[in-house]
Amino acid sequence: VTAIELDLPAGAVDESDWARDKGIPSLEHPGTMVFMGTVAFSKSIRLPADADVGVKIVYQACQGQICNPPDSISLTLAP
């Protein structure tokens, strides 16, 4: 399952839910969506001037029936 955690600065306003490309329902894990190739996630956030945003993305890559262990990446997005 892909999860995106935001560390928003004081004064930030989260204005929308996450939008994402359409996935394919998993046959092995009902209620879980599977994404092929590149996928885009987006949301609207109003930020104070010159604010940084911390982002942690947790994901798992699979090929066929074989999946790698879950992994994550943390980023800081600066204006």
PDB file of N, CA and C in Angstrom:
ATOM      1  N   VAL A   1       0.849  -1.173   0.000  1.00  0.00           N
ATOM      2  CA  VAL A   1       0.000   0.000   0.000  1.00  0.00           C
ATOM      3  C   VAL A   1       0.898   1.241   0.000  1.00  0.00           C
ATOM      4  N   THR A   2       0.621   2.170  -0.893  1.00  0.00           N
ATOM      5  CA  THR A   2       1.369   3.419  -0.949  1.00  0.00           C
ATOM      6  C   THR A   2       0.779   4.387   0.065  1.00  0.00           C
ATOM      7  N   ALA A   3       1.652   5.010   0.857  1.00  0.00           N
ATOM      8  CA  ALA A   3       1.213   6.000   1.832  1.00  0.00           C
ATOM      9  C   ALA A   3       2.095   7.227   1.702  1.00  0.00           C
ATOM     10  N   ILE A   4       1.488   8.395   1.773  1.00  0.00           N
ATOM     11  CA  ILE A   4       2.229   9.649   1.694  1.00  0.00           C
ATOM     12  C   ILE A   4       1.913  10.448   2.950  1.00  0.00           C
ATOM     13  N   GLU A   5       2.965  10.776   3.696  1.00  0.00           N
ATOM     14  CA  GLU A   5       2.825  11.545   4.931  1.00  0.00           C
ATOM     15  C   GLU A   5       3.458  12.915   4.710  1.00  0.00           C
ATOM     16  N   LEU A   6       2.720  13.963   5.036  1.00  0.00           N
ATOM     17  CA  LEU A   6       3.231  15.331   4.891  1.00  0.00           C
ATOM     18  C   LEU A   6       3.561  15.916   6.248  1.00  0.00           C
ATOM     19  N   ASP A   7       4.652  16.648   6.318  1.00  0.00           N
ATOM     20  CA  ASP A   7       5.009  17.423   7.505  1.00  0.00           C
ATOM     21  C   ASP A   7       4.861  18.889   7.101  1.00  0.00           C
ATOM     22  N   LEU A   8       3.682  19.442   7.387  1.00  0.00           N
ATOM     23  CA  LEU A   8       3.369  20.800   6.944  1.00  0.00           C
ATOM     24  C   LEU A   8       3.808  21.832   7.970  1.00  0.00           C
ATOM     25  N   PRO A   9       4.297  22.979   7.511  1.00  0.00           N
ATOM     26  CA  PRO A   9       4.705  24.042   8.439  1.00  0.00           C
ATOM     27  C   PRO A   9       3.482  24.725   9.054  1.00  0.00           C
ATOM     28  N   ALA A  10       3.715  25.446  10.123  1.00  0.00           N
ATOM     29  CA  ALA A  10       2.648  26.232  10.748  1.00  0.00           C
ATOM     30  C   ALA A  10       2.071  27.193   9.713  1.00  0.00           C
ATOM     31  N   GLY A  11       0.764  27.332   9.718  1.00  0.00           N
ATOM     32  CA  GLY A  11       0.100  28.238   8.791  1.00  0.00           C
ATOM     33  C   GLY A  11      -0.284  27.607   7.469  1.00  0.00           C
ATOM     34  N   ALA A  12       0.133  26.364   7.226  1.00  0.00           N
ATOM     35  CA  ALA A  12      -0.240  25.679   5.985  1.00  0.00           C
ATOM     36  C   ALA A  12      -1.698  25.232   6.061  1.00  0.00           C
ATOM     37  N   VAL A  13      -2.382  25.238   4.923  1.00  0.00           N
ATOM     38  CA  VAL A  13      -3.776  24.815   4.856  1.00  0.00           C
ATOM     39  C   VAL A  13      -3.888  23.705   3.818  1.00  0.00           C
ATOM     40  N   ASP A  14      -4.293  22.526   4.273  1.00  0.00           N
ATOM     41  CA  ASP A  14      -4.512  21.380   3.389  1.00  0.00           C
ATOM     42  C   ASP A  14      -5.879  21.572   2.737  1.00  0.00           C
ATOM     43  N   GLU A  15      -5.912  21.802   1.437  1.00  0.00           N
ATOM     44  CA  GLU A  15      -7.154  22.183   0.757  1.00  0.00           C
ATOM     45  C   GLU A  15      -7.847  21.064  -0.011  1.00  0.00           C
ATOM     46  N   SER A  16      -7.250  19.869  -0.078  1.00  0.00           N
ATOM     47  CA  SER A  16      -7.908  18.809  -0.847  1.00  0.00           C
ATOM     48  C   SER A  16      -7.445  17.431  -0.391  1.00  0.00           C
ATOM     49  N   ASP A  17      -8.212  16.435  -0.797  1.00  0.00           N
ATOM     50  CA  ASP A  17      -7.788  15.046  -0.609  1.00  0.00           C
ATOM     51  C   ASP A  17      -6.757  14.721  -1.684  1.00  0.00           C
ATOM     52  N   TRP A  18      -6.090  13.592  -1.532  1.00  0.00           N
ATOM     53  CA  TRP A  18      -5.140  13.158  -2.552  1.00  0.00           C
ATOM     54  C   TRP A  18      -5.876  12.766  -3.819  1.00  0.00           C
ATOM     55  N   ALA A  19      -5.375  13.199  -4.951  1.00  0.00           N
ATOM     56  CA  ALA A  19      -5.835  12.729  -6.254  1.00  0.00           C
ATOM     57  C   ALA A  19      -4.731  11.828  -6.787  1.00  0.00           C
ATOM     58  N   ARG A  20      -5.100  10.766  -7.474  1.00  0.00           N
ATOM     59  CA  ARG A  20      -4.096   9.843  -8.003  1.00  0.00           C
ATOM     60  C   ARG A  20      -4.604   9.210  -9.285  1.00  0.00           C
ATOM     61  N   ASP A  21      -3.655   8.673 -10.021  1.00  0.00           N
ATOM     62  CA  ASP A  21      -4.030   7.921 -11.207  1.00  0.00           C
ATOM     63  C   ASP A  21      -4.885   6.731 -10.783  1.00  0.00           C
ATOM     64  N   LYS A  22      -5.685   6.245 -11.713  1.00  0.00           N
ATOM     65  CA  LYS A  22      -6.546   5.104 -11.413  1.00  0.00           C
ATOM     66  C   LYS A  22      -5.709   3.830 -11.339  1.00  0.00           C
ATOM     67  N   GLY A  23      -5.904   3.083 -10.274  1.00  0.00           N
ATOM     68  CA  GLY A  23      -5.193   1.824 -10.103  1.00  0.00           C
ATOM     69  C   GLY A  23      -6.067   0.648 -10.520  1.00  0.00           C
ATOM     70  N   ILE A  24      -5.499  -0.538 -10.384  1.00  0.00           N
ATOM     71  CA  ILE A  24      -6.191  -1.788 -10.693  1.00  0.00           C
ATOM     72  C   ILE A  24      -6.413  -2.510  -9.366  1.00  0.00           C
ATOM     73  N   PRO A  25      -7.631  -2.989  -9.088  1.00  0.00           N
ATOM     74  CA  PRO A  25      -7.855  -3.704  -7.831  1.00  0.00           C
ATOM     75  C   PRO A  25      -6.957  -4.941  -7.736  1.00  0.00           C
ATOM     76  N   SER A  26      -6.331  -5.139  -6.578  1.00  0.00           N
ATOM     77  CA  SER A  26      -5.478  -6.300  -6.342  1.00  0.00           C
ATOM     78  C   SER A  26      -6.331  -7.551  -6.180  1.00  0.00           C
ATOM     79  N   LEU A  27      -5.923  -8.631  -6.839  1.00  0.00           N
ATOM     80  CA  LEU A  27      -6.628  -9.905  -6.688  1.00  0.00           C
ATOM     81  C   LEU A  27      -6.251 -10.579  -5.377  1.00  0.00           C
ATOM     82  N   GLU A  28      -5.016 -10.372  -4.924  1.00  0.00           N
ATOM     83  CA  GLU A  28      -4.535 -11.007  -3.704  1.00  0.00           C
ATOM     84  C   GLU A  28      -4.959 -10.279  -2.435  1.00  0.00           C
ATOM     85  N   HIS A  29      -5.157  -8.953  -2.532  1.00  0.00           N
ATOM     86  CA  HIS A  29      -5.465  -8.138  -1.352  1.00  0.00           C
ATOM     87  C   HIS A  29      -6.672  -7.247  -1.641  1.00  0.00           C
ATOM     88  N   PRO A  30      -7.890  -7.755  -1.412  1.00  0.00           N
ATOM     89  CA  PRO A  30      -9.094  -6.966  -1.687  1.00  0.00           C
ATOM     90  C   PRO A  30      -9.047  -5.604  -0.991  1.00  0.00           C
ATOM     91  N   GLY A  31      -9.474  -4.575  -1.698  1.00  0.00           N
ATOM     92  CA  GLY A  31      -9.487  -3.223  -1.164  1.00  0.00           C
ATOM     93  C   GLY A  31      -8.192  -2.468  -1.424  1.00  0.00           C
ATOM     94  N   THR A  32      -7.184  -3.155  -1.961  1.00  0.00           N
ATOM     95  CA  THR A  32      -5.899  -2.538  -2.276  1.00  0.00           C
ATOM     96  C   THR A  32      -5.814  -2.298  -3.775  1.00  0.00           C
ATOM     97  N   MET A  33      -5.298  -1.129  -4.148  1.00  0.00           N
ATOM     98  CA  MET A  33      -5.132  -0.810  -5.564  1.00  0.00           C
ATOM     99  C   MET A  33      -3.684  -1.040  -5.980  1.00  0.00           C
ATOM    100  N   VAL A  34      -3.501  -1.538  -7.196  1.00  0.00           N
ATOM    101  CA  VAL A  34      -2.186  -1.799  -7.765  1.00  0.00           C
ATOM    102  C   VAL A  34      -1.951  -0.786  -8.875  1.00  0.00           C
ATOM    103  N   PHE A  35      -0.743  -0.230  -8.938  1.00  0.00           N
ATOM    104  CA  PHE A  35      -0.395   0.743  -9.961  1.00  0.00           C
ATOM    105  C   PHE A  35       0.687   0.159 -10.852  1.00  0.00           C
ATOM    106  N   MET A  36       0.579   0.389 -12.137  1.00  0.00           N
ATOM    107  CA  MET A  36       1.562  -0.089 -13.110  1.00  0.00           C
ATOM    108  C   MET A  36       2.355   1.097 -13.648  1.00  0.00           C
ATOM    109  N   GLY A  37       3.671   0.928 -13.774  1.00  0.00           N
ATOM    110  CA  GLY A  37       4.498   1.981 -14.359  1.00  0.00           C
ATOM    111  C   GLY A  37       4.596   3.173 -13.433  1.00  0.00           C
ATOM    112  N   THR A  38       4.420   4.350 -13.988  1.00  0.00           N
ATOM    113  CA  THR A  38       4.523   5.596 -13.234  1.00  0.00           C
ATOM    114  C   THR A  38       3.139   6.021 -12.768  1.00  0.00           C
ATOM    115  N   VAL A  39       3.049   6.489 -11.539  1.00  0.00           N
ATOM    116  CA  VAL A  39       1.782   6.974 -11.002  1.00  0.00           C
ATOM    117  C   VAL A  39       2.003   8.366 -10.410  1.00  0.00           C
ATOM    118  N   ALA A  40       1.010   9.230 -10.540  1.00  0.00           N
ATOM    119  CA  ALA A  40       1.106  10.592 -10.010  1.00  0.00           C
ATOM    120  C   ALA A  40       0.087  10.773  -8.884  1.00  0.00           C
ATOM    121  N   PHE A  41       0.534  11.347  -7.771  1.00  0.00           N
ATOM    122  CA  PHE A  41      -0.319  11.716  -6.658  1.00  0.00           C
ATOM    123  C   PHE A  41      -0.244  13.231  -6.538  1.00  0.00           C
ATOM    124  N   SER A  42      -1.368  13.888  -6.270  1.00  0.00           N
ATOM    125  CA  SER A  42      -1.340  15.343  -6.118  1.00  0.00           C
ATOM    126  C   SER A  42      -2.403  15.788  -5.112  1.00  0.00           C
ATOM    127  N   LYS A  43      -2.184  16.973  -4.557  1.00  0.00           N
ATOM    128  CA  LYS A  43      -3.164  17.599  -3.663  1.00  0.00           C
ATOM    129  C   LYS A  43      -2.857  19.081  -3.600  1.00  0.00           C
ATOM    130  N   SER A  44      -3.820  19.859  -3.192  1.00  0.00           N
ATOM    131  CA  SER A  44      -3.649  21.311  -3.064  1.00  0.00           C
ATOM    132  C   SER A  44      -3.376  21.667  -1.615  1.00  0.00           C
ATOM    133  N   ILE A  45      -2.310  22.446  -1.424  1.00  0.00           N
ATOM    134  CA  ILE A  45      -1.935  22.926  -0.099  1.00  0.00           C
ATOM    135  C   ILE A  45      -1.566  24.399  -0.231  1.00  0.00           C
ATOM    136  N   ARG A  46      -2.115  25.223   0.630  1.00  0.00           N
ATOM    137  CA  ARG A  46      -1.727  26.640   0.662  1.00  0.00           C
ATOM    138  C   ARG A  46      -0.642  26.791   1.718  1.00  0.00           C
ATOM    139  N   LEU A  47       0.520  27.321   1.291  1.00  0.00           N
ATOM    140  CA  LEU A  47       1.682  27.434   2.173  1.00  0.00           C
ATOM    141  C   LEU A  47       2.041  28.885   2.434  1.00  0.00           C
ATOM    142  N   PRO A  48       2.592  29.151   3.616  1.00  0.00           N
ATOM    143  CA  PRO A  48       3.153  30.477   3.863  1.00  0.00           C
ATOM    144  C   PRO A  48       4.360  30.683   2.924  1.00  0.00           C
ATOM    145  N   ALA A  49       4.715  31.938   2.693  1.00  0.00           N
ATOM    146  CA  ALA A  49       5.859  32.244   1.824  1.00  0.00           C
ATOM    147  C   ALA A  49       7.122  31.578   2.353  1.00  0.00           C
ATOM    148  N   ASP A  50       7.929  31.079   1.435  1.00  0.00           N
ATOM    149  CA  ASP A  50       9.226  30.469   1.748  1.00  0.00           C
ATOM    150  C   ASP A  50       9.139  29.288   2.712  1.00  0.00           C
ATOM    151  N   ALA A  51       8.061  28.534   2.682  1.00  0.00           N
ATOM    152  CA  ALA A  51       7.895  27.397   3.587  1.00  0.00           C
ATOM    153  C   ALA A  51       8.381  26.108   2.924  1.00  0.00           C
ATOM    154  N   ASP A  52       9.026  25.257   3.702  1.00  0.00           N
ATOM    155  CA  ASP A  52       9.421  23.928   3.253  1.00  0.00           C
ATOM    156  C   ASP A  52       8.346  22.928   3.663  1.00  0.00           C
ATOM    157  N   VAL A  53       8.229  21.848   2.903  1.00  0.00           N
ATOM    158  CA  VAL A  53       7.287  20.779   3.225  1.00  0.00           C
ATOM    159  C   VAL A  53       8.061  19.470   3.277  1.00  0.00           C
ATOM    160  N   GLY A  54       7.897  18.729   4.358  1.00  0.00           N
ATOM    161  CA  GLY A  54       8.493  17.403   4.458  1.00  0.00           C
ATOM    162  C   GLY A  54       7.528  16.373   3.904  1.00  0.00           C
ATOM    163  N   VAL A  55       8.057  15.414   3.152  1.00  0.00           N
ATOM    164  CA  VAL A  55       7.229  14.369   2.549  1.00  0.00           C
ATOM    165  C   VAL A  55       7.892  13.018   2.782  1.00  0.00           C
ATOM    166  N   LYS A  56       7.129  12.051   3.275  1.00  0.00           N
ATOM    167  CA  LYS A  56       7.600  10.672   3.397  1.00  0.00           C
ATOM    168  C   LYS A  56       6.668   9.806   2.564  1.00  0.00           C
ATOM    169  N   ILE A  57       7.253   9.034   1.653  1.00  0.00           N
ATOM    170  CA  ILE A  57       6.476   8.152   0.788  1.00  0.00           C
ATOM    171  C   ILE A  57       6.860   6.709   1.113  1.00  0.00           C
ATOM    172  N   VAL A  58       5.875   5.912   1.473  1.00  0.00           N
ATOM    173  CA  VAL A  58       6.063   4.492   1.743  1.00  0.00           C
ATOM    174  C   VAL A  58       5.428   3.736   0.581  1.00  0.00           C
ATOM    175  N   TYR A  59       6.168   2.785   0.003  1.00  0.00           N
ATOM    176  CA  TYR A  59       5.685   2.078  -1.184  1.00  0.00           C
ATOM    177  C   TYR A  59       6.241   0.663  -1.208  1.00  0.00           C
ATOM    178  N   GLN A  60       5.685  -0.147  -2.096  1.00  0.00           N
ATOM    179  CA  GLN A  60       6.181  -1.504  -2.297  1.00  0.00           C
ATOM    180  C   GLN A  60       6.129  -1.815  -3.783  1.00  0.00           C
ATOM    181  N   ALA A  61       7.241  -2.248  -4.322  1.00  0.00           N
ATOM    182  CA  ALA A  61       7.315  -2.576  -5.745  1.00  0.00           C
ATOM    183  C   ALA A  61       7.211  -4.091  -5.923  1.00  0.00           C
ATOM    184  N   CYS A  62       6.424  -4.485  -6.915  1.00  0.00           N
ATOM    185  CA  CYS A  62       6.231  -5.906  -7.212  1.00  0.00           C
ATOM    186  C   CYS A  62       6.414  -6.144  -8.705  1.00  0.00           C
ATOM    187  N   GLN A  63       6.774  -7.368  -9.022  1.00  0.00           N
ATOM    188  CA  GLN A  63       6.829  -7.796 -10.418  1.00  0.00           C
ATOM    189  C   GLN A  63       6.233  -9.186 -10.467  1.00  0.00           C
ATOM    190  N   GLY A  64       5.093  -9.291 -11.139  1.00  0.00           N
ATOM    191  CA  GLY A  64       4.387 -10.567 -11.157  1.00  0.00           C
ATOM    192  C   GLY A  64       3.917 -10.919  -9.757  1.00  0.00           C
ATOM    193  N   GLN A  65       4.247 -12.108  -9.298  1.00  0.00           N
ATOM    194  CA  GLN A  65       3.843 -12.569  -7.962  1.00  0.00           C
ATOM    195  C   GLN A  65       4.903 -12.285  -6.895  1.00  0.00           C
ATOM    196  N   ILE A  66       6.012 -11.663  -7.290  1.00  0.00           N
ATOM    197  CA  ILE A  66       7.116 -11.414  -6.355  1.00  0.00           C
ATOM    198  C   ILE A  66       7.143  -9.934  -5.986  1.00  0.00           C
ATOM    199  N   CYS A  67       7.124  -9.652  -4.677  1.00  0.00           N
ATOM    200  CA  CYS A  67       7.152  -8.267  -4.198  1.00  0.00           C
ATOM    201  C   CYS A  67       8.393  -8.024  -3.352  1.00  0.00           C
ATOM    202  N   ASN A  68       8.988  -6.877  -3.544  1.00  0.00           N
ATOM    203  CA  ASN A  68      10.085  -6.443  -2.687  1.00  0.00           C
ATOM    204  C   ASN A  68       9.499  -6.036  -1.340  1.00  0.00           C
ATOM    205  N   PRO A  69      10.319  -6.025  -0.283  1.00  0.00           N
ATOM    206  CA  PRO A  69       9.821  -5.524   0.998  1.00  0.00           C
ATOM    207  C   PRO A  69       9.415  -4.056   0.858  1.00  0.00           C
ATOM    208  N   PRO A  70       8.472  -3.589   1.678  1.00  0.00           N
ATOM    209  CA  PRO A  70       8.111  -2.169   1.639  1.00  0.00           C
ATOM    210  C   PRO A  70       9.358  -1.304   1.856  1.00  0.00           C
ATOM    211  N   ASP A  71       9.370  -0.146   1.223  1.00  0.00           N
ATOM    212  CA  ASP A  71      10.483   0.790   1.330  1.00  0.00           C
ATOM    213  C   ASP A  71       9.900   2.189   1.492  1.00  0.00           C
ATOM    214  N   SER A  72      10.758   3.157   1.812  1.00  0.00           N
ATOM    215  CA  SER A  72      10.282   4.533   1.945  1.00  0.00           C
ATOM    216  C   SER A  72      11.376   5.482   1.516  1.00  0.00           C
ATOM    217  N   ILE A  73      10.942   6.690   1.203  1.00  0.00           N
ATOM    218  CA  ILE A  73      11.852   7.773   0.876  1.00  0.00           C
ATOM    219  C   ILE A  73      11.314   9.032   1.551  1.00  0.00           C
ATOM    220  N   SER A  74      12.211   9.820   2.123  1.00  0.00           N
ATOM    221  CA  SER A  74      11.825  11.090   2.751  1.00  0.00           C
ATOM    222  C   SER A  74      12.472  12.235   1.982  1.00  0.00           C
ATOM    223  N   LEU A  75      11.693  13.281   1.728  1.00  0.00           N
ATOM    224  CA  LEU A  75      12.153  14.436   0.961  1.00  0.00           C
ATOM    225  C   LEU A  75      11.744  15.719   1.666  1.00  0.00           C
ATOM    226  N   THR A  76      12.479  16.768   1.400  1.00  0.00           N
ATOM    227  CA  THR A  76      12.061  18.101   1.810  1.00  0.00           C
ATOM    228  C   THR A  76      11.880  18.917   0.541  1.00  0.00           C
ATOM    229  N   LEU A  77      10.683  19.442   0.350  1.00  0.00           N
ATOM    230  CA  LEU A  77      10.377  20.251  -0.815  1.00  0.00           C
ATOM    231  C   LEU A  77      10.465  21.727  -0.423  1.00  0.00           C
ATOM    232  N   ALA A  78      11.341  22.434  -1.098  1.00  0.00           N
ATOM    233  CA  ALA A  78      11.553  23.852  -0.798  1.00  0.00           C
ATOM    234  C   ALA A  78      11.025  24.697  -1.949  1.00  0.00           C
ATOM    235  N   PRO A  79      10.561  25.935  -1.647  1.00  0.00           N
ATOM    236  CA  PRO A  79      10.035  26.792  -2.708  1.00  0.00           C
ATOM    237  C   PRO A  79      11.128  27.219  -3.683  1.00  0.00           C
TER     238      PRO A  79
END
